[in-house]
C-alpha atoms as a PDB file:
ATOM      1  CA  MET A   1     104.479  11.644  86.328  1.00  0.00           C
ATOM      2  CA  ASN A   2     104.094  14.417  83.811  1.00  0.00           C
ATOM      3  CA  ASN A   3     103.481  18.066  84.700  1.00  0.00           C
ATOM      4  CA  LYS A   4      99.780  17.810  83.910  1.00  0.00           C
ATOM      5  CA  GLY A   5      99.339  14.852  86.292  1.00  0.00           C
ATOM      6  CA  PHE A   6     101.343  16.585  89.011  1.00  0.00           C
ATOM      7  CA  ILE A   7      99.284  19.784  88.747  1.00  0.00           C
ATOM      8  CA  THR A   8      96.045  17.790  88.813  1.00  0.00           C
ATOM      9  CA  SER A   9      97.193  15.817  91.872  1.00  0.00           C
ATOM     10  CA  ALA A  10      98.346  18.962  93.663  1.00  0.00           C
ATOM     11  CA  LEU A  11      95.065  20.695  92.869  1.00  0.00           C
ATOM     12  CA  LEU A  12      93.009  17.735  94.127  1.00  0.00           C
ATOM     13  CA  TYR A  13      95.166  17.515  97.262  1.00  0.00           C
ATOM     14  CA  GLY A  14      94.653  21.252  97.866  1.00  0.00           C
ATOM     15  CA  ILE A  15      90.890  20.991  97.425  1.00  0.00           C
ATOM     16  CA  LEU A  16      90.723  17.949  99.701  1.00  0.00           C
ATOM     17  CA  SER A  17      92.825  19.743 102.340  1.00  0.00           C
ATOM     18  CA  LEU A  18      90.595  22.808 102.174  1.00  0.00           C
ATOM     19  CA  PHE A  19      87.502  20.615 102.432  1.00  0.00           C
ATOM     20  CA  LEU A  20      88.895  18.830 105.516  1.00  0.00           C
ATOM     21  CA  VAL A  21      89.807  22.141 107.159  1.00  0.00           C
ATOM     22  CA  LEU A  22      86.293  23.450 106.555  1.00  0.00           C
ATOM     23  CA  ILE A  23      84.658  20.264 107.851  1.00  0.00           C
ATOM     24  CA  LEU A  24      86.883  20.003 110.935  1.00  0.00           C
ATOM     25  CA  GLY A  25      86.519  23.713 111.606  1.00  0.00           C
ATOM     26  CA  THR A  26      82.727  23.443 111.399  1.00  0.00           C
ATOM     27  CA  VAL A  27      82.700  20.458 113.765  1.00  0.00           C
ATOM     28  CA  SER A  28      84.907  22.382 116.165  1.00  0.00           C
ATOM     29  CA  ILE A  29      82.667  25.445 115.959  1.00  0.00           C
ATOM     30  CA  LEU A  30      79.527  23.392 116.543  1.00  0.00           C
ATOM     31  CA  GLY A  31      81.158  21.605 119.475  1.00  0.00           C
ATOM     32  CA  ASN A  32      82.098  24.894 121.083  1.00  0.00           C
ATOM     33  CA  ARG A  33      78.801  26.669 120.343  1.00  0.00           C
ATOM     34  CA  LYS A  34      77.233  25.782 123.699  1.00  0.00           C
ATOM     35  CA  ILE A  35      80.293  27.039 125.563  1.00  0.00           C
ATOM     36  CA  ALA A  36      80.257  30.233 123.498  1.00  0.00           C
ATOM     37  CA  ASN A  37      76.506  30.731 124.045  1.00  0.00           C
ATOM     38  CA  ASP A  38      76.933  30.287 127.797  1.00  0.00           C
ATOM     39  CA  LYS A  39      79.746  32.854 127.815  1.00  0.00           C
ATOM     40  CA  ILE A  40      77.670  35.291 125.746  1.00  0.00           C
ATOM     41  CA  LYS A  41      74.731  34.884 128.139  1.00  0.00           C
ATOM     42  CA  GLU A  42      76.982  35.379 131.151  1.00  0.00           C
ATOM     43  CA  SER A  43      78.517  38.482 129.575  1.00  0.00           C
ATOM     44  CA  ALA A  44      75.095  39.861 128.656  1.00  0.00           C
ATOM     45  CA  LEU A  45      73.840  39.323 132.196  1.00  0.00           C
ATOM     46  CA  ASP A  46      76.893  41.138 133.547  1.00  0.00           C
ATOM     47  CA  ASP A  47      76.161  44.038 131.169  1.00  0.00           C
ATOM     48  CA  VAL A  48      72.532  44.177 132.295  1.00  0.00           C
ATOM     49  CA  GLN A  49      73.733  44.544 135.857  1.00  0.00           C
ATOM     50  CA  THR A  50      75.485  47.807 134.940  1.00  0.00           C
ATOM     51  CA  LEU A  51      73.025  49.267 132.425  1.00  0.00           C
ATOM     52  CA  THR A  52      70.416  51.806 133.424  1.00  0.00           C
ATOM     53  CA  THR A  53      67.808  53.847 131.644  1.00  0.00           C
ATOM     54  CA  ASN A  54      68.240  57.606 131.286  1.00  0.00           C
ATOM     55  CA  PRO A  55      67.533  59.062 134.751  1.00  0.00           C
ATOM     56  CA  ALA A  56      65.432  61.834 133.186  1.00  0.00           C
ATOM     57  CA  CYS A  57      62.839  59.186 132.235  1.00  0.00           C
ATOM     58  CA  PHE A  58      61.812  58.677 135.866  1.00  0.00           C
ATOM     59  CA  THR A  59      59.683  60.828 138.148  1.00  0.00           C
ATOM     60  CA  VAL A  60      60.397  59.996 141.783  1.00  0.00           C
ATOM     61  CA  THR A  61      59.343  60.922 145.294  1.00  0.00           C
ATOM     62  CA  THR A  62      61.058  60.369 148.611  1.00  0.00           C
ATOM     63  CA  ASN A  63      59.502  57.524 150.592  1.00  0.00           C
ATOM     64  CA  THR A  64      59.253  57.004 154.361  1.00  0.00           C
ATOM     65  CA  ARG A  65      62.681  55.338 154.471  1.00  0.00           C
ATOM     66  CA  GLY A  66      64.298  58.372 152.867  1.00  0.00           C
ATOM     67  CA  ASN A  67      64.854  56.459 149.623  1.00  0.00           C
ATOM     68  CA  LEU A  68      63.188  56.982 146.259  1.00  0.00           C
ATOM     69  CA  THR A  69      59.965  55.598 144.818  1.00  0.00           C
ATOM     70  CA  ILE A  70      59.501  55.673 141.041  1.00  0.00           C
ATOM     71  CA  THR A  71      56.065  57.222 140.509  1.00  0.00           C
ATOM     72  CA  LYS A  72      56.060  57.827 136.737  1.00  0.00           C
ATOM     73  CA  TYR A  73      57.956  56.811 133.604  1.00  0.00           C
ATOM     74  CA  SER A  74      58.043  59.119 130.593  1.00  0.00           C
ATOM     75  CA  ASP A  75      56.204  57.824 127.545  1.00  0.00           C
ATOM     76  CA  THR A  76      58.932  59.266 125.284  1.00  0.00           C
ATOM     77  CA  CYS A  77      61.613  56.976 126.753  1.00  0.00           C
ATOM     78  CA  ASP A  78      62.829  53.528 125.709  1.00  0.00           C
ATOM     79  CA  LYS A  79      60.481  50.578 125.953  1.00  0.00           C
ATOM     80  CA  THR A  80      63.277  48.460 127.407  1.00  0.00           C
ATOM     81  CA  VAL A  81      63.810  49.675 130.961  1.00  0.00           C
ATOM     82  CA  PHE A  82      66.649  49.101 133.413  1.00  0.00           C
ATOM     83  CA  ILE A  83      65.625  50.298 136.865  1.00  0.00           C
ATOM     84  CA  PRO A  84      68.523  52.297 138.316  1.00  0.00           C
ATOM     85  CA  GLU A  85      69.982  51.461 141.704  1.00  0.00           C
ATOM     86  CA  THR A  86      70.375  55.146 142.520  1.00  0.00           C
ATOM     87  CA  LEU A  87      69.201  58.493 141.173  1.00  0.00           C
ATOM     88  CA  ASN A  88      71.005  61.680 142.182  1.00  0.00           C
ATOM     89  CA  GLY A  89      72.899  59.727 144.821  1.00  0.00           C
ATOM     90  CA  GLN A  90      69.772  58.337 146.509  1.00  0.00           C
ATOM     91  CA  THR A  91      68.781  54.665 146.550  1.00  0.00           C
ATOM     92  CA  VAL A  92      65.763  53.693 144.446  1.00  0.00           C
ATOM     93  CA  ASP A  93      63.903  50.961 146.343  1.00  0.00           C
ATOM     94  CA  GLU A  94      60.212  51.143 145.335  1.00  0.00           C
ATOM     95  CA  ILE A  95      58.086  51.208 142.219  1.00  0.00           C
ATOM     96  CA  GLY A  96      54.824  53.001 142.881  1.00  0.00           C
ATOM     97  CA  ALA A  97      51.286  52.127 141.791  1.00  0.00           C
ATOM     98  CA  TYR A  98      50.702  52.878 138.087  1.00  0.00           C
ATOM     99  CA  ALA A  99      54.298  54.145 137.693  1.00  0.00           C
ATOM    100  CA  PHE A 100      54.645  52.430 134.293  1.00  0.00           C
ATOM    101  CA  ASN A 101      50.963  52.607 133.360  1.00  0.00           C
ATOM    102  CA  ASN A 102      50.260  52.068 129.612  1.00  0.00           C
ATOM    103  CA  GLN A 103      53.862  52.536 128.445  1.00  0.00           C
ATOM    104  CA  ASN A 104      53.870  49.598 125.993  1.00  0.00           C
ATOM    105  CA  LEU A 105      57.032  48.262 127.593  1.00  0.00           C
ATOM    106  CA  ILE A 106      58.912  45.385 125.999  1.00  0.00           C
ATOM    107  CA  ASN A 107      60.890  44.367 129.059  1.00  0.00           C
ATOM    108  CA  ILE A 108      62.142  45.644 132.367  1.00  0.00           C
ATOM    109  CA  THR A 109      65.098  44.634 134.494  1.00  0.00           C
ATOM    110  CA  ILE A 110      64.549  44.912 138.233  1.00  0.00           C
ATOM    111  CA  LYS A 111      67.620  44.509 140.424  1.00  0.00           C
ATOM    112  CA  SER A 112      67.975  43.675 144.100  1.00  0.00           C
ATOM    113  CA  ASN A 113      67.675  47.317 145.185  1.00  0.00           C
ATOM    114  CA  ILE A 114      63.885  47.217 144.623  1.00  0.00           C
ATOM    115  CA  LYS A 115      62.185  46.170 147.848  1.00  0.00           C
ATOM    116  CA  GLU A 116      58.549  46.944 147.025  1.00  0.00           C
ATOM    117  CA  ILE A 117      56.437  47.053 143.878  1.00  0.00           C
ATOM    118  CA  TYR A 118      52.955  48.429 144.360  1.00  0.00           C
ATOM    119  CA  SER A 119      49.796  46.985 142.805  1.00  0.00           C
ATOM    120  CA  ASN A 120      49.170  47.852 139.181  1.00  0.00           C
ATOM    121  CA  ALA A 121      52.642  49.360 138.717  1.00  0.00           C
ATOM    122  CA  PHE A 122      52.715  47.911 135.171  1.00  0.00           C
ATOM    123  CA  THR A 123      49.043  48.045 134.145  1.00  0.00           C
ATOM    124  CA  GLY A 124      48.591  48.211 130.379  1.00  0.00           C
ATOM    125  CA  ASN A 125      51.977  46.673 129.521  1.00  0.00           C
ATOM    126  CA  ASP A 126      50.642  43.342 128.354  1.00  0.00           C
ATOM    127  CA  GLU A 127      52.974  40.535 127.273  1.00  0.00           C
ATOM    128  CA  MET A 128      56.104  42.249 128.560  1.00  0.00           C
ATOM    129  CA  VAL A 129      59.061  40.398 130.078  1.00  0.00           C
ATOM    130  CA  PHE A 130      60.326  40.995 133.607  1.00  0.00           C
ATOM    131  CA  TYR A 131      63.979  40.194 134.332  1.00  0.00           C
ATOM    132  CA  ILE A 132      64.173  40.100 138.097  1.00  0.00           C
ATOM    133  CA  LYS A 133      67.626  39.906 139.647  1.00  0.00           C
ATOM    134  CA  THR A 134      66.585  39.084 143.205  1.00  0.00           C
ATOM    135  CA  THR A 135      64.481  36.530 145.037  1.00  0.00           C
ATOM    136  CA  SER A 136      60.748  37.013 145.492  1.00  0.00           C
ATOM    137  CA  ASN A 137      61.062  37.246 149.254  1.00  0.00           C
ATOM    138  CA  GLU A 138      63.235  40.349 148.784  1.00  0.00           C
ATOM    139  CA  ILE A 139      60.309  42.234 147.202  1.00  0.00           C
ATOM    140  CA  ARG A 140      57.633  43.013 149.809  1.00  0.00           C
ATOM    141  CA  GLY A 141      54.030  42.111 149.188  1.00  0.00           C
ATOM    142  CA  THR A 142      54.556  40.062 146.056  1.00  0.00           C
ATOM    143  CA  GLY A 143      54.173  36.501 147.308  1.00  0.00           C
ATOM    144  CA  THR A 144      56.221  33.542 146.170  1.00  0.00           C
ATOM    145  CA  GLN A 145      57.974  33.283 142.827  1.00  0.00           C
ATOM    146  CA  GLU A 146      55.285  30.862 141.657  1.00  0.00           C
ATOM    147  CA  GLU A 147      52.504  33.267 142.666  1.00  0.00           C
ATOM    148  CA  ILE A 148      54.194  36.085 140.795  1.00  0.00           C
ATOM    149  CA  ASN A 149      54.817  33.889 137.752  1.00  0.00           C
ATOM    150  CA  ASN A 150      51.161  32.824 137.676  1.00  0.00           C
ATOM    151  CA  ALA A 151      49.481  36.050 138.799  1.00  0.00           C
ATOM    152  CA  ILE A 152      51.617  38.862 137.434  1.00  0.00           C
ATOM    153  CA  GLY A 153      48.554  40.330 135.732  1.00  0.00           C
ATOM    154  CA  THR A 154      46.689  40.725 138.989  1.00  0.00           C
ATOM    155  CA  ALA A 155      49.686  41.573 141.159  1.00  0.00           C
ATOM    156  CA  TRP A 156      51.428  44.182 139.023  1.00  0.00           C
ATOM    157  CA  GLY A 157      48.917  44.723 136.219  1.00  0.00           C
ATOM    158  CA  ALA A 158      50.876  43.395 133.210  1.00  0.00           C
ATOM    159  CA  LYS A 159      48.681  40.741 131.610  1.00  0.00           C
ATOM    160  CA  ASP A 160      50.299  37.698 129.999  1.00  0.00           C
ATOM    161  CA  ALA A 161      53.734  38.822 131.163  1.00  0.00           C
ATOM    162  CA  THR A 162      56.752  36.560 131.439  1.00  0.00           C
ATOM    163  CA  VAL A 163      58.876  36.600 134.571  1.00  0.00           C
ATOM    164  CA  ARG A 164      62.501  35.474 134.399  1.00  0.00           C
ATOM    165  CA  TRP A 165      64.271  35.126 137.707  1.00  0.00           C
ATOM    166  CA  ASP A 166      68.023  35.544 137.631  1.00  0.00           C
ATOM    167  CA  TYR A 167      69.824  35.767 140.934  1.00  0.00           C
END
């Protein structure tokens, strides 16, 4: 075989090898995508558990249990809200009526520390998404998960909202 034939063969072999590596790598990536997506989701959910919104965004009062009720949310704060578990060392366990009134919220994460959400707490936040990290029977006065999913507009005031349960 002359040099020209050898170089051509080597070049074709190299291109074929590269092509096979790309194809096999793509198949491997596609096969592992679901596993990777599940891990990303799990990691994101873990992060959500630790994230909170700036405490200065919330106005609170002390309720009859000695814990805190969120009574107002500042309209200058983020439209993605993570309800804190505590503020100034006190447990936050209620969201008061009209607390998030007309804030144009995108979504809100409510963790298991919230035990009561008053009527119309989210009035005027149409089409928002609720991420609720507890069971419906842990939140007083809200009914079953199905009732909340179907009647969020009448229960909490956010029309056409989506409720995602994650517990």
